[in-house]
PDB file of N, CA and C in Angstrom:
ATOM      1  N   UNK A   1     -17.393   7.755   4.596  1.00  0.00           N
ATOM      2  CA  UNK A   1     -16.227   7.339   3.844  1.00  0.00           C
ATOM      3  C   UNK A   1     -16.685   6.564   2.615  1.00  0.00           C
ATOM      4  N   UNK A   2     -16.108   6.893   1.483  1.00  0.00           N
ATOM      5  CA  UNK A   2     -16.413   6.195   0.244  1.00  0.00           C
ATOM      6  C   UNK A   2     -15.378   5.099   0.020  1.00  0.00           C
ATOM      7  N   UNK A   3     -15.734   3.881   0.368  1.00  0.00           N
ATOM      8  CA  UNK A   3     -14.814   2.755   0.195  1.00  0.00           C
ATOM      9  C   UNK A   3     -14.897   2.253  -1.239  1.00  0.00           C
ATOM     10  N   UNK A   4     -13.760   1.959  -1.850  1.00  0.00           N
ATOM     11  CA  UNK A   4     -13.785   1.460  -3.234  1.00  0.00           C
ATOM     12  C   UNK A   4     -14.317   0.040  -3.292  1.00  0.00           C
ATOM     13  N   UNK A   5     -14.983  -0.284  -4.390  1.00  0.00           N
ATOM     14  CA  UNK A   5     -15.466  -1.639  -4.616  1.00  0.00           C
ATOM     15  C   UNK A   5     -14.368  -2.498  -5.219  1.00  0.00           C
ATOM     16  N   UNK A   6     -14.622  -3.792  -5.303  1.00  0.00           N
ATOM     17  CA  UNK A   6     -13.634  -4.735  -5.851  1.00  0.00           C
ATOM     18  C   UNK A   6     -13.245  -4.371  -7.286  1.00  0.00           C
ATOM     19  N   UNK A   7     -14.203  -3.929  -8.093  1.00  0.00           N
ATOM     20  CA  UNK A   7     -13.888  -3.590  -9.490  1.00  0.00           C
ATOM     21  C   UNK A   7     -12.962  -2.380  -9.566  1.00  0.00           C
ATOM     22  N   UNK A   8     -13.182  -1.406  -8.703  1.00  0.00           N
ATOM     23  CA  UNK A   8     -12.314  -0.226  -8.698  1.00  0.00           C
ATOM     24  C   UNK A   8     -10.901  -0.605  -8.248  1.00  0.00           C
ATOM     25  N   UNK A   9     -10.810  -1.432  -7.204  1.00  0.00           N
ATOM     26  CA  UNK A   9      -9.496  -1.888  -6.739  1.00  0.00           C
ATOM     27  C   UNK A   9      -8.821  -2.726  -7.817  1.00  0.00           C
ATOM     28  N   UNK A  10      -9.583  -3.569  -8.508  1.00  0.00           N
ATOM     29  CA  UNK A  10      -9.037  -4.385  -9.597  1.00  0.00           C
ATOM     30  C   UNK A  10      -8.419  -3.476 -10.670  1.00  0.00           C
ATOM     31  N   UNK A  11      -9.121  -2.398 -11.028  1.00  0.00           N
ATOM     32  CA  UNK A  11      -8.597  -1.488 -12.052  1.00  0.00           C
ATOM     33  C   UNK A  11      -7.342  -0.771 -11.559  1.00  0.00           C
ATOM     34  N   UNK A  12      -7.330  -0.357 -10.284  1.00  0.00           N
ATOM     35  CA  UNK A  12      -6.138   0.271  -9.709  1.00  0.00           C
ATOM     36  C   UNK A  12      -4.954  -0.700  -9.758  1.00  0.00           C
ATOM     37  N   UNK A  13      -5.228  -1.966  -9.432  1.00  0.00           N
ATOM     38  CA  UNK A  13      -4.201  -3.008  -9.436  1.00  0.00           C
ATOM     39  C   UNK A  13      -3.609  -3.140 -10.845  1.00  0.00           C
ATOM     40  N   UNK A  14      -4.477  -3.260 -11.839  1.00  0.00           N
ATOM     41  CA  UNK A  14      -4.036  -3.394 -13.235  1.00  0.00           C
ATOM     42  C   UNK A  14      -3.234  -2.165 -13.658  1.00  0.00           C
ATOM     43  N   UNK A  15      -3.694  -0.982 -13.271  1.00  0.00           N
ATOM     44  CA  UNK A  15      -2.969   0.256 -13.598  1.00  0.00           C
ATOM     45  C   UNK A  15      -1.561   0.239 -13.002  1.00  0.00           C
ATOM     46  N   UNK A  16      -1.438  -0.211 -11.758  1.00  0.00           N
ATOM     47  CA  UNK A  16      -0.140  -0.290 -11.097  1.00  0.00           C
ATOM     48  C   UNK A  16       0.799  -1.265 -11.787  1.00  0.00           C
ATOM     49  N   UNK A  17       0.269  -2.402 -12.215  1.00  0.00           N
ATOM     50  CA  UNK A  17       1.081  -3.389 -12.939  1.00  0.00           C
ATOM     51  C   UNK A  17       1.571  -2.787 -14.252  1.00  0.00           C
ATOM     52  N   UNK A  18       0.692  -2.100 -14.965  1.00  0.00           N
ATOM     53  CA  UNK A  18       1.074  -1.457 -16.234  1.00  0.00           C
ATOM     54  C   UNK A  18       2.169  -0.411 -16.022  1.00  0.00           C
ATOM     55  N   UNK A  19       2.132   0.251 -14.871  1.00  0.00           N
ATOM     56  CA  UNK A  19       3.129   1.280 -14.557  1.00  0.00           C
ATOM     57  C   UNK A  19       4.402   0.678 -13.963  1.00  0.00           C
ATOM     58  N   UNK A  20       4.445  -0.665 -13.891  1.00  0.00           N
ATOM     59  CA  UNK A  20       5.610  -1.402 -13.375  1.00  0.00           C
ATOM     60  C   UNK A  20       5.905  -1.089 -11.907  1.00  0.00           C
ATOM     61  N   UNK A  21       4.832  -0.940 -11.111  1.00  0.00           N
ATOM     62  CA  UNK A  21       4.966  -0.726  -9.676  1.00  0.00           C
ATOM     63  C   UNK A  21       4.968  -2.080  -8.976  1.00  0.00           C
ATOM     64  N   UNK A  22       5.421  -2.108  -7.732  1.00  0.00           N
ATOM     65  CA  UNK A  22       5.499  -3.365  -6.984  1.00  0.00           C
ATOM     66  C   UNK A  22       4.393  -3.483  -5.928  1.00  0.00           C
ATOM     67  N   UNK A  23       3.987  -2.351  -5.347  1.00  0.00           N
ATOM     68  CA  UNK A  23       2.965  -2.347  -4.307  1.00  0.00           C
ATOM     69  C   UNK A  23       1.914  -1.290  -4.595  1.00  0.00           C
ATOM     70  N   UNK A  24       0.717  -1.545  -4.101  1.00  0.00           N
ATOM     71  CA  UNK A  24      -0.346  -0.553  -4.133  1.00  0.00           C
ATOM     72  C   UNK A  24      -0.907  -0.433  -2.722  1.00  0.00           C
ATOM     73  N   UNK A  25      -0.821   0.746  -2.173  1.00  0.00           N
ATOM     74  CA  UNK A  25      -1.387   1.017  -0.862  1.00  0.00           C
ATOM     75  C   UNK A  25      -2.709   1.746  -1.067  1.00  0.00           C
ATOM     76  N   UNK A  26      -3.760   1.262  -0.453  1.00  0.00           N
ATOM     77  CA  UNK A  26      -5.053   1.934  -0.512  1.00  0.00           C
ATOM     78  C   UNK A  26      -5.119   2.826   0.725  1.00  0.00           C
ATOM     79  N   UNK A  27      -5.182   4.126   0.478  1.00  0.00           N
ATOM     80  CA  UNK A  27      -5.065   5.117   1.548  1.00  0.00           C
ATOM     81  C   UNK A  27      -6.394   5.829   1.759  1.00  0.00           C
ATOM     82  N   UNK A  28      -6.826   5.858   3.008  1.00  0.00           N
ATOM     83  CA  UNK A  28      -8.012   6.622   3.399  1.00  0.00           C
ATOM     84  C   UNK A  28      -7.547   8.034   3.727  1.00  0.00           C
ATOM     85  N   UNK A  29      -8.128   9.004   3.049  1.00  0.00           N
ATOM     86  CA  UNK A  29      -7.760  10.407   3.256  1.00  0.00           C
ATOM     87  C   UNK A  29      -9.024  11.184   3.603  1.00  0.00           C
ATOM     88  N   UNK A  30      -9.169  11.562   4.864  1.00  0.00           N
ATOM     89  CA  UNK A  30     -10.386  12.253   5.280  1.00  0.00           C
ATOM     90  C   UNK A  30     -10.403  13.720   4.875  1.00  0.00           C
ATOM     91  N   UNK A  31      -9.307  14.213   4.321  1.00  0.00           N
ATOM     92  CA  UNK A  31      -9.260  15.598   3.869  1.00  0.00           C
ATOM     93  C   UNK A  31      -9.523  15.735   2.374  1.00  0.00           C
ATOM     94  N   UNK A  32      -9.702  14.616   1.681  1.00  0.00           N
ATOM     95  CA  UNK A  32      -9.906  14.639   0.232  1.00  0.00           C
ATOM     96  C   UNK A  32     -11.339  15.066  -0.086  1.00  0.00           C
ATOM     97  N   UNK A  33     -11.513  16.191  -0.789  1.00  0.00           N
ATOM     98  CA  UNK A  33     -12.877  16.623  -1.125  1.00  0.00           C
ATOM     99  C   UNK A  33     -13.456  15.779  -2.256  1.00  0.00           C
ATOM    100  N   UNK A  34     -14.750  15.693  -2.468  1.00  0.00           N
ATOM    101  CA  UNK A  34     -15.764  16.375  -1.670  1.00  0.00           C
ATOM    102  C   UNK A  34     -16.090  15.638  -0.380  1.00  0.00           C
ATOM    103  N   UNK A  35     -15.858  14.354  -0.330  1.00  0.00           N
ATOM    104  CA  UNK A  35     -16.062  13.548   0.881  1.00  0.00           C
ATOM    105  C   UNK A  35     -14.792  12.762   1.135  1.00  0.00           C
ATOM    106  N   UNK A  36     -14.694  12.228   2.345  1.00  0.00           N
ATOM    107  CA  UNK A  36     -13.544  11.373   2.614  1.00  0.00           C
ATOM    108  C   UNK A  36     -13.571  10.204   1.644  1.00  0.00           C
ATOM    109  N   UNK A  37     -12.386   9.788   1.199  1.00  0.00           N
ATOM    110  CA  UNK A  37     -12.358   8.681   0.244  1.00  0.00           C
ATOM    111  C   UNK A  37     -11.044   7.923   0.311  1.00  0.00           C
ATOM    112  N   UNK A  38     -11.056   6.717  -0.251  1.00  0.00           N
ATOM    113  CA  UNK A  38      -9.854   5.907  -0.385  1.00  0.00           C
ATOM    114  C   UNK A  38      -9.294   6.119  -1.788  1.00  0.00           C
ATOM    115  N   UNK A  39      -7.978   6.056  -1.902  1.00  0.00           N
ATOM    116  CA  UNK A  39      -7.347   6.185  -3.211  1.00  0.00           C
ATOM    117  C   UNK A  39      -6.054   5.371  -3.212  1.00  0.00           C
ATOM    118  N   UNK A  40      -5.567   4.998  -4.409  1.00  0.00           N
ATOM    119  CA  UNK A  40      -4.354   4.196  -4.479  1.00  0.00           C
ATOM    120  C   UNK A  40      -3.101   5.057  -4.424  1.00  0.00           C
ATOM    121  N   UNK A  41      -2.059   4.497  -3.864  1.00  0.00           N
ATOM    122  CA  UNK A  41      -0.729   5.099  -3.875  1.00  0.00           C
ATOM    123  C   UNK A  41       0.216   3.948  -4.196  1.00  0.00           C
ATOM    124  N   UNK A  42       1.068   4.141  -5.187  1.00  0.00           N
ATOM    125  CA  UNK A  42       1.926   3.053  -5.657  1.00  0.00           C
ATOM    126  C   UNK A  42       3.351   3.195  -5.138  1.00  0.00           C
ATOM    127  N   UNK A  43       4.021   2.063  -4.996  1.00  0.00           N
ATOM    128  CA  UNK A  43       5.419   2.027  -4.556  1.00  0.00           C
ATOM    129  C   UNK A  43       6.194   1.109  -5.501  1.00  0.00           C
ATOM    130  N   UNK A  44       7.449   1.478  -5.748  1.00  0.00           N
ATOM    131  CA  UNK A  44       8.258   0.723  -6.712  1.00  0.00           C
ATOM    132  C   UNK A  44       9.146  -0.344  -6.078  1.00  0.00           C
ATOM    133  N   UNK A  45       9.317  -0.296  -4.749  1.00  0.00           N
ATOM    134  CA  UNK A  45      10.205  -1.250  -4.080  1.00  0.00           C
ATOM    135  C   UNK A  45       9.705  -1.506  -2.665  1.00  0.00           C
ATOM    136  N   UNK A  46      10.323  -2.491  -1.995  1.00  0.00           N
ATOM    137  CA  UNK A  46       9.977  -2.762  -0.601  1.00  0.00           C
ATOM    138  C   UNK A  46      10.219  -1.523   0.254  1.00  0.00           C
ATOM    139  N   UNK A  47      11.388  -0.892   0.067  1.00  0.00           N
ATOM    140  CA  UNK A  47      11.746   0.289   0.857  1.00  0.00           C
ATOM    141  C   UNK A  47      10.762   1.425   0.611  1.00  0.00           C
ATOM    142  N   UNK A  48      10.394   1.625  -0.644  1.00  0.00           N
ATOM    143  CA  UNK A  48       9.440   2.670  -1.009  1.00  0.00           C
ATOM    144  C   UNK A  48       8.081   2.399  -0.359  1.00  0.00           C
ATOM    145  N   UNK A  49       7.648   1.144  -0.353  1.00  0.00           N
ATOM    146  CA  UNK A  49       6.372   0.785   0.264  1.00  0.00           C
ATOM    147  C   UNK A  49       6.382   1.071   1.763  1.00  0.00           C
ATOM    148  N   UNK A  50       7.472   0.710   2.431  1.00  0.00           N
ATOM    149  CA  UNK A  50       7.574   0.960   3.871  1.00  0.00           C
ATOM    150  C   UNK A  50       7.628   2.452   4.179  1.00  0.00           C
ATOM    151  N   UNK A  51       8.350   3.214   3.374  1.00  0.00           N
ATOM    152  CA  UNK A  51       8.420   4.664   3.575  1.00  0.00           C
ATOM    153  C   UNK A  51       7.063   5.319   3.331  1.00  0.00           C
ATOM    154  N   UNK A  52       6.379   4.880   2.287  1.00  0.00           N
ATOM    155  CA  UNK A  52       5.063   5.419   1.968  1.00  0.00           C
ATOM    156  C   UNK A  52       4.073   5.092   3.074  1.00  0.00           C
ATOM    157  N   UNK A  53       4.111   3.848   3.545  1.00  0.00           N
ATOM    158  CA  UNK A  53       3.243   3.429   4.655  1.00  0.00           C
ATOM    159  C   UNK A  53       3.482   4.310   5.876  1.00  0.00           C
ATOM    160  N   UNK A  54       4.731   4.494   6.241  1.00  0.00           N
ATOM    161  CA  UNK A  54       5.066   5.304   7.415  1.00  0.00           C
ATOM    162  C   UNK A  54       4.616   6.751   7.248  1.00  0.00           C
ATOM    163  N   UNK A  55       4.813   7.297   6.058  1.00  0.00           N
ATOM    164  CA  UNK A  55       4.433   8.694   5.815  1.00  0.00           C
ATOM    165  C   UNK A  55       2.927   8.888   5.947  1.00  0.00           C
ATOM    166  N   UNK A  56       2.151   7.990   5.345  1.00  0.00           N
ATOM    167  CA  UNK A  56       0.698   8.140   5.423  1.00  0.00           C
ATOM    168  C   UNK A  56       0.172   7.859   6.823  1.00  0.00           C
ATOM    169  N   UNK A  57       0.712   6.852   7.494  1.00  0.00           N
ATOM    170  CA  UNK A  57       0.190   6.523   8.821  1.00  0.00           C
ATOM    171  C   UNK A  57       0.631   7.505   9.889  1.00  0.00           C
ATOM    172  N   UNK A  58       1.620   8.348   9.603  1.00  0.00           N
ATOM    173  CA  UNK A  58       2.012   9.364  10.576  1.00  0.00           C
ATOM    174  C   UNK A  58       1.198  10.646  10.381  1.00  0.00           C
ATOM    175  N   UNK A  59       0.431  10.725   9.304  1.00  0.00           N
ATOM    176  CA  UNK A  59      -0.430  11.871   9.029  1.00  0.00           C
ATOM    177  C   UNK A  59      -1.755  11.659   9.759  1.00  0.00           C
ATOM    178  N   UNK A  60      -2.179  12.627  10.540  1.00  0.00           N
ATOM    179  CA  UNK A  60      -3.399  12.441  11.339  1.00  0.00           C
ATOM    180  C   UNK A  60      -4.675  12.361  10.492  1.00  0.00           C
ATOM    181  N   UNK A  61      -4.593  12.736   9.223  1.00  0.00           N
ATOM    182  CA  UNK A  61      -5.772  12.708   8.367  1.00  0.00           C
ATOM    183  C   UNK A  61      -5.783  11.530   7.394  1.00  0.00           C
ATOM    184  N   UNK A  62      -4.756  10.687   7.434  1.00  0.00           N
ATOM    185  CA  UNK A  62      -4.648   9.565   6.505  1.00  0.00           C
ATOM    186  C   UNK A  62      -4.402   8.259   7.252  1.00  0.00           C
ATOM    187  N   UNK A  63      -4.783   7.171   6.592  1.00  0.00           N
ATOM    188  CA  UNK A  63      -4.517   5.848   7.145  1.00  0.00           C
ATOM    189  C   UNK A  63      -4.457   4.848   5.997  1.00  0.00           C
ATOM    190  N   UNK A  64      -3.458   3.981   6.020  1.00  0.00           N
ATOM    191  CA  UNK A  64      -3.358   2.926   5.010  1.00  0.00           C
ATOM    192  C   UNK A  64      -4.356   1.830   5.397  1.00  0.00           C
ATOM    193  N   UNK A  65      -5.273   1.547   4.471  1.00  0.00           N
ATOM    194  CA  UNK A  65      -6.337   0.581   4.738  1.00  0.00           C
ATOM    195  C   UNK A  65      -5.996  -0.819   4.227  1.00  0.00           C
ATOM    196  N   UNK A  66      -5.278  -0.884   3.101  1.00  0.00           N
ATOM    197  CA  UNK A  66      -4.902  -2.163   2.509  1.00  0.00           C
ATOM    198  C   UNK A  66      -3.576  -2.002   1.783  1.00  0.00           C
ATOM    199  N   UNK A  67      -2.862  -3.110   1.632  1.00  0.00           N
ATOM    200  CA  UNK A  67      -1.618  -3.115   0.866  1.00  0.00           C
ATOM    201  C   UNK A  67      -1.643  -4.338  -0.050  1.00  0.00           C
ATOM    202  N   UNK A  68      -1.541  -4.081  -1.351  1.00  0.00           N
ATOM    203  CA  UNK A  68      -1.509  -5.137  -2.353  1.00  0.00           C
ATOM    204  C   UNK A  68      -0.097  -5.268  -2.906  1.00  0.00           C
ATOM    205  N   UNK A  69       0.360  -6.511  -3.047  1.00  0.00           N
ATOM    206  CA  UNK A  69       1.633  -6.785  -3.698  1.00  0.00           C
ATOM    207  C   UNK A  69       1.302  -7.062  -5.166  1.00  0.00           C
ATOM    208  N   UNK A  70       1.726  -6.170  -6.055  1.00  0.00           N
ATOM    209  CA  UNK A  70       1.372  -6.272  -7.460  1.00  0.00           C
ATOM    210  C   UNK A  70       2.118  -7.386  -8.191  1.00  0.00           C
ATOM    211  N   UNK A  71       3.039  -8.056  -7.498  1.00  0.00           N
ATOM    212  CA  UNK A  71       3.748  -9.200  -8.076  1.00  0.00           C
ATOM    213  C   UNK A  71       3.060 -10.521  -7.709  1.00  0.00           C
ATOM    214  N   UNK A  72       2.080 -10.445  -6.811  1.00  0.00           N
ATOM    215  CA  UNK A  72       1.329 -11.631  -6.390  1.00  0.00           C
ATOM    216  C   UNK A  72       0.024 -11.721  -7.182  1.00  0.00           C
ATOM    217  N   UNK A  73      -0.665 -12.847  -7.062  1.00  0.00           N
ATOM    218  CA  UNK A  73      -1.923 -13.059  -7.770  1.00  0.00           C
ATOM    219  C   UNK A  73      -2.979 -12.050  -7.333  1.00  0.00           C
ATOM    220  N   UNK A  74      -3.556 -11.347  -8.291  1.00  0.00           N
ATOM    221  CA  UNK A  74      -4.545 -10.313  -8.007  1.00  0.00           C
ATOM    222  C   UNK A  74      -5.824 -10.895  -7.390  1.00  0.00           C
ATOM    223  N   UNK A  75      -6.368 -11.939  -7.991  1.00  0.00           N
ATOM    224  CA  UNK A  75      -7.658 -12.471  -7.523  1.00  0.00           C
ATOM    225  C   UNK A  75      -7.570 -13.036  -6.112  1.00  0.00           C
ATOM    226  N   UNK A  76      -6.441 -13.649  -5.777  1.00  0.00           N
ATOM    227  CA  UNK A  76      -6.258 -14.161  -4.417  1.00  0.00           C
ATOM    228  C   UNK A  76      -6.305 -13.014  -3.408  1.00  0.00           C
ATOM    229  N   UNK A  77      -5.642 -11.915  -3.734  1.00  0.00           N
ATOM    230  CA  UNK A  77      -5.622 -10.774  -2.824  1.00  0.00           C
ATOM    231  C   UNK A  77      -6.993 -10.086  -2.756  1.00  0.00           C
ATOM    232  N   UNK A  78      -7.684 -10.009  -3.891  1.00  0.00           N
ATOM    233  CA  UNK A  78      -9.017  -9.400  -3.898  1.00  0.00           C
ATOM    234  C   UNK A  78     -10.020 -10.217  -3.092  1.00  0.00           C
ATOM    235  N   UNK A  79      -9.785 -11.516  -2.971  1.00  0.00           N
ATOM    236  CA  UNK A  79     -10.689 -12.383  -2.218  1.00  0.00           C
ATOM    237  C   UNK A  79     -10.502 -12.228  -0.705  1.00  0.00           C
ATOM    238  N   UNK A  80      -9.413 -11.621  -0.287  1.00  0.00           N
ATOM    239  CA  UNK A  80      -9.165 -11.413   1.142  1.00  0.00           C
ATOM    240  C   UNK A  80     -10.073 -10.317   1.680  1.00  0.00           C
ATOM    241  N   UNK A  81     -10.439 -10.433   2.942  1.00  0.00           N
ATOM    242  CA  UNK A  81     -11.282  -9.389   3.542  1.00  0.00           C
ATOM    243  C   UNK A  81     -10.566  -8.044   3.479  1.00  0.00           C
ATOM    244  N   UNK A  82      -9.315  -8.012   3.881  1.00  0.00           N
ATOM    245  CA  UNK A  82      -8.443  -6.842   3.762  1.00  0.00           C
ATOM    246  C   UNK A  82      -7.069  -7.342   3.348  1.00  0.00           C
ATOM    247  N   UNK A  83      -6.620  -6.936   2.176  1.00  0.00           N
ATOM    248  CA  UNK A  83      -5.284  -7.339   1.728  1.00  0.00           C
ATOM    249  C   UNK A  83      -4.245  -6.591   2.556  1.00  0.00           C
ATOM    250  N   UNK A  84      -3.250  -7.314   3.030  1.00  0.00           N
ATOM    251  CA  UNK A  84      -2.189  -6.680   3.818  1.00  0.00           C
ATOM    252  C   UNK A  84      -0.870  -7.375   3.504  1.00  0.00           C
ATOM    253  N   UNK A  85      -0.198  -6.886   2.470  1.00  0.00           N
ATOM    254  CA  UNK A  85       1.029  -7.512   1.999  1.00  0.00           C
ATOM    255  C   UNK A  85       2.187  -6.520   2.033  1.00  0.00           C
ATOM    256  N   UNK A  86       2.287  -5.820   3.139  1.00  0.00           N
ATOM    257  CA  UNK A  86       3.395  -4.900   3.348  1.00  0.00           C
ATOM    258  C   UNK A  86       4.656  -5.732   3.557  1.00  0.00           C
ATOM    259  N   UNK A  87       5.765  -5.350   2.916  1.00  0.00           N
ATOM    260  CA  UNK A  87       6.992  -6.143   3.097  1.00  0.00           C
ATOM    261  C   UNK A  87       7.486  -6.063   4.536  1.00  0.00           C
ATOM    262  N   UNK A  88       8.207  -7.086   4.938  1.00  0.00           N
ATOM    263  CA  UNK A  88       8.801  -7.093   6.272  1.00  0.00           C
ATOM    264  C   UNK A  88       9.916  -6.071   6.336  1.00  0.00           C
ATOM    265  N   UNK A  89      10.137  -5.550   7.518  1.00  0.00           N
ATOM    266  CA  UNK A  89      11.274  -4.659   7.708  1.00  0.00           C
ATOM    267  C   UNK A  89      12.552  -5.457   7.530  1.00  0.00           C
ATOM    268  N   UNK A  90      13.531  -4.891   6.869  1.00  0.00           N
ATOM    269  CA  UNK A  90      14.792  -5.629   6.725  1.00  0.00           C
ATOM    270  C   UNK A  90      15.426  -5.846   8.091  1.00  0.00           C
ATOM    271  N   UNK A  91      16.077  -6.987   8.229  1.00  0.00           N
ATOM    272  CA  UNK A  91      16.748  -7.265   9.499  1.00  0.00           C
ATOM    273  C   UNK A  91      17.902  -6.295   9.677  1.00  0.00           C
ATOM    274  N   UNK A  92      17.976  -5.766  10.861  1.00  0.00           N
ATOM    275  CA  UNK A  92      19.064  -4.842  11.132  1.00  0.00           C
ATOM    276  C   UNK A  92      20.227  -5.646  11.697  1.00  0.00           C
ATOM    277  N   UNK A  93      21.370  -5.440  11.119  1.00  0.00           N
ATOM    278  CA  UNK A  93      22.558  -6.131  11.611  1.00  0.00           C
ATOM    279  C   UNK A  93      23.367  -5.185  12.472  1.00  0.00           C
ATOM    280  N   UNK A  94      23.868  -5.719  13.534  1.00  0.00           N
ATOM    281  CA  UNK A  94      24.693  -4.899  14.420  1.00  0.00           C
ATOM    282  C   UNK A  94      26.076  -4.748  13.806  1.00  0.00           C
ATOM    283  N   UNK A  95      26.666  -3.584  13.958  1.00  0.00           N
ATOM    284  CA  UNK A  95      28.001  -3.404  13.412  1.00  0.00           C
ATOM    285  C   UNK A  95      28.997  -4.338  14.129  1.00  0.00           C
ATOM    286  N   UNK A  96      29.952  -4.805  13.363  1.00  0.00           N
ATOM    287  CA  UNK A  96      30.947  -5.697  13.959  1.00  0.00           C
ATOM    288  C   UNK A  96      31.841  -4.911  14.915  1.00  0.00           C
ATOM    289  N   UNK A  97      32.183  -5.568  16.008  1.00  0.00           N
ATOM    290  CA  UNK A  97      33.050  -4.913  16.975  1.00  0.00           C
ATOM    291  C   UNK A  97      34.493  -4.969  16.497  1.00  0.00           C
ATOM    292  N   UNK A  98      35.182  -3.889  16.739  1.00  0.00           N
ATOM    293  CA  UNK A  98      36.590  -3.841  16.360  1.00  0.00           C
ATOM    294  C   UNK A  98      37.424  -4.472  17.455  1.00  0.00           C
ATOM    295  N   UNK A  99      38.512  -5.133  17.075  1.00  0.00           N
ATOM    296  CA  UNK A  99      39.399  -5.766  18.064  1.00  0.00           C
ATOM    297  C   UNK A  99      40.275  -4.741  18.713  1.00  0.00           C
TER     298      UNK A  99
END
């Protein structure tokens, strides 16, 4: 597996900010030629990030390795062993009972 270095992730982060994205998911894709590799996938909202995460993690050949919040400090996240800033699932409210 070709894991990206900090400089490559930094450039992906900057690219995502320029594109006005909110999240960057680093996805391991073992089917990507010529060798397995990680690549960025961007999301524009919390919902988009959660949907993207679910789609990649349900694929047997892909796995989300890191999640960066592009609205947070880049250097703080790069200093983490593995950035994991996936938004929380929205609270589900039960429908009100009718009288």
